């Protein structure tokens, strides 16, 4: 749902960052709903190689960026009562 980094340094204002999060939610929610319907578990995890340019540009190559990436997806799950 969140494109893997191409290692481009990007600059996001609050509106652009929010728009990307909305896109991730649109793409990820159908999977959440499917897992919920089927009673399946979902693992949310991150590793350095899967961080997006958005996360890397905003948080740098840091543990905080990895945590934020996972929390964003967990928040979508919680929003959908999963």
C-alpha atoms as a PDB file:
ATOM      1  CA  UNK A   1       0.000   0.000   0.000  1.00  0.00           C
ATOM      2  CA  UNK A   2       2.946   2.303   0.637  1.00  0.00           C
ATOM      3  CA  UNK A   3       5.494   2.194  -2.171  1.00  0.00           C
ATOM      4  CA  UNK A   4       8.978   0.995  -1.231  1.00  0.00           C
ATOM      5  CA  UNK A   5      11.607   3.742  -1.179  1.00  0.00           C
ATOM      6  CA  UNK A   6      13.349   4.759  -4.343  1.00  0.00           C
ATOM      7  CA  UNK A   7      15.682   6.726  -2.057  1.00  0.00           C
ATOM      8  CA  UNK A   8      14.467  10.078  -3.300  1.00  0.00           C
ATOM      9  CA  UNK A   9      14.537  12.933  -0.804  1.00  0.00           C
ATOM     10  CA  UNK A  10      11.019  14.364  -0.860  1.00  0.00           C
ATOM     11  CA  UNK A  11       9.552  17.367   0.923  1.00  0.00           C
ATOM     12  CA  UNK A  12       6.036  17.038   2.295  1.00  0.00           C
ATOM     13  CA  UNK A  13       3.832  19.684   3.779  1.00  0.00           C
ATOM     14  CA  UNK A  14       1.079  18.568   6.140  1.00  0.00           C
ATOM     15  CA  UNK A  15      -1.530  18.401   3.357  1.00  0.00           C
ATOM     16  CA  UNK A  16       0.636  16.268   1.060  1.00  0.00           C
ATOM     17  CA  UNK A  17       1.545  13.918   3.914  1.00  0.00           C
ATOM     18  CA  UNK A  18      -2.148  13.565   4.836  1.00  0.00           C
ATOM     19  CA  UNK A  19      -3.053  12.895   1.191  1.00  0.00           C
ATOM     20  CA  UNK A  20      -0.535  10.037   1.043  1.00  0.00           C
ATOM     21  CA  UNK A  21      -1.973   8.561   4.237  1.00  0.00           C
ATOM     22  CA  UNK A  22      -5.467   8.746   2.723  1.00  0.00           C
ATOM     23  CA  UNK A  23      -4.220   6.870  -0.339  1.00  0.00           C
ATOM     24  CA  UNK A  24      -2.636   4.178   1.842  1.00  0.00           C
ATOM     25  CA  UNK A  25      -5.909   3.812   3.725  1.00  0.00           C
ATOM     26  CA  UNK A  26      -7.863   3.431   0.471  1.00  0.00           C
ATOM     27  CA  UNK A  27      -5.515   0.704  -0.767  1.00  0.00           C
ATOM     28  CA  UNK A  28      -5.040  -1.130   2.552  1.00  0.00           C
ATOM     29  CA  UNK A  29      -8.621  -1.095   3.886  1.00  0.00           C
ATOM     30  CA  UNK A  30      -9.953  -3.769   1.477  1.00  0.00           C
ATOM     31  CA  UNK A  31      -7.338  -6.215   2.833  1.00  0.00           C
ATOM     32  CA  UNK A  32      -8.292  -5.325   6.401  1.00  0.00           C
ATOM     33  CA  UNK A  33     -11.965  -5.873   5.640  1.00  0.00           C
ATOM     34  CA  UNK A  34     -11.247  -9.228   3.952  1.00  0.00           C
ATOM     35  CA  UNK A  35      -9.198 -10.468   6.916  1.00  0.00           C
ATOM     36  CA  UNK A  36     -11.896  -9.268   9.288  1.00  0.00           C
ATOM     37  CA  UNK A  37     -14.629 -11.049   7.312  1.00  0.00           C
ATOM     38  CA  UNK A  38     -12.646 -14.305   7.186  1.00  0.00           C
ATOM     39  CA  UNK A  39     -11.497 -14.104  10.818  1.00  0.00           C
ATOM     40  CA  UNK A  40      -7.840 -14.068   9.804  1.00  0.00           C
ATOM     41  CA  UNK A  41      -4.954 -12.554  11.726  1.00  0.00           C
ATOM     42  CA  UNK A  42      -2.642  -9.990  10.174  1.00  0.00           C
ATOM     43  CA  UNK A  43       0.975  -9.262  11.033  1.00  0.00           C
ATOM     44  CA  UNK A  44       2.092  -5.665  10.722  1.00  0.00           C
ATOM     45  CA  UNK A  45       5.817  -5.215  10.703  1.00  0.00           C
ATOM     46  CA  UNK A  46       8.504  -3.130   9.111  1.00  0.00           C
ATOM     47  CA  UNK A  47      12.085  -3.430   8.092  1.00  0.00           C
ATOM     48  CA  UNK A  48      14.496  -0.906   6.690  1.00  0.00           C
ATOM     49  CA  UNK A  49      14.082  -2.096   3.110  1.00  0.00           C
ATOM     50  CA  UNK A  50      10.320  -1.614   3.108  1.00  0.00           C
ATOM     51  CA  UNK A  51      10.192   2.005   4.250  1.00  0.00           C
ATOM     52  CA  UNK A  52       8.698   4.446   1.753  1.00  0.00           C
ATOM     53  CA  UNK A  53      10.291   7.648   0.506  1.00  0.00           C
ATOM     54  CA  UNK A  54       7.618   9.504   2.488  1.00  0.00           C
ATOM     55  CA  UNK A  55       8.719   7.897   5.762  1.00  0.00           C
ATOM     56  CA  UNK A  56      12.425   8.121   4.917  1.00  0.00           C
ATOM     57  CA  UNK A  57      12.122  11.798   3.936  1.00  0.00           C
ATOM     58  CA  UNK A  58      10.145  12.747   7.029  1.00  0.00           C
ATOM     59  CA  UNK A  59      11.867  10.597   9.701  1.00  0.00           C
ATOM     60  CA  UNK A  60      15.167   9.728   8.066  1.00  0.00           C
ATOM     61  CA  UNK A  61      16.653   6.262   8.255  1.00  0.00           C
ATOM     62  CA  UNK A  62      15.682   5.792  11.883  1.00  0.00           C
ATOM     63  CA  UNK A  63      13.909   3.485  14.300  1.00  0.00           C
ATOM     64  CA  UNK A  64      11.290   6.239  14.708  1.00  0.00           C
ATOM     65  CA  UNK A  65      10.460   5.938  11.008  1.00  0.00           C
ATOM     66  CA  UNK A  66      10.044   2.187  11.286  1.00  0.00           C
ATOM     67  CA  UNK A  67       7.740   2.602  14.276  1.00  0.00           C
ATOM     68  CA  UNK A  68       5.675   5.299  12.567  1.00  0.00           C
ATOM     69  CA  UNK A  69       5.259   3.160   9.464  1.00  0.00           C
ATOM     70  CA  UNK A  70       3.872   0.263  11.512  1.00  0.00           C
ATOM     71  CA  UNK A  71       1.674   2.564  13.615  1.00  0.00           C
ATOM     72  CA  UNK A  72       0.094   4.088  10.495  1.00  0.00           C
ATOM     73  CA  UNK A  73      -1.052   0.646   9.340  1.00  0.00           C
ATOM     74  CA  UNK A  74      -2.144  -0.353  12.857  1.00  0.00           C
ATOM     75  CA  UNK A  75      -4.235   2.825  13.056  1.00  0.00           C
ATOM     76  CA  UNK A  76      -6.026   1.886   9.850  1.00  0.00           C
ATOM     77  CA  UNK A  77      -6.772  -1.540  11.317  1.00  0.00           C
ATOM     78  CA  UNK A  78      -8.113   0.012  14.520  1.00  0.00           C
ATOM     79  CA  UNK A  79     -10.210   2.468  12.528  1.00  0.00           C
ATOM     80  CA  UNK A  80     -11.834  -0.551  10.864  1.00  0.00           C
ATOM     81  CA  UNK A  81     -12.372  -2.369  14.207  1.00  0.00           C
ATOM     82  CA  UNK A  82      -9.819  -5.029  13.309  1.00  0.00           C
END
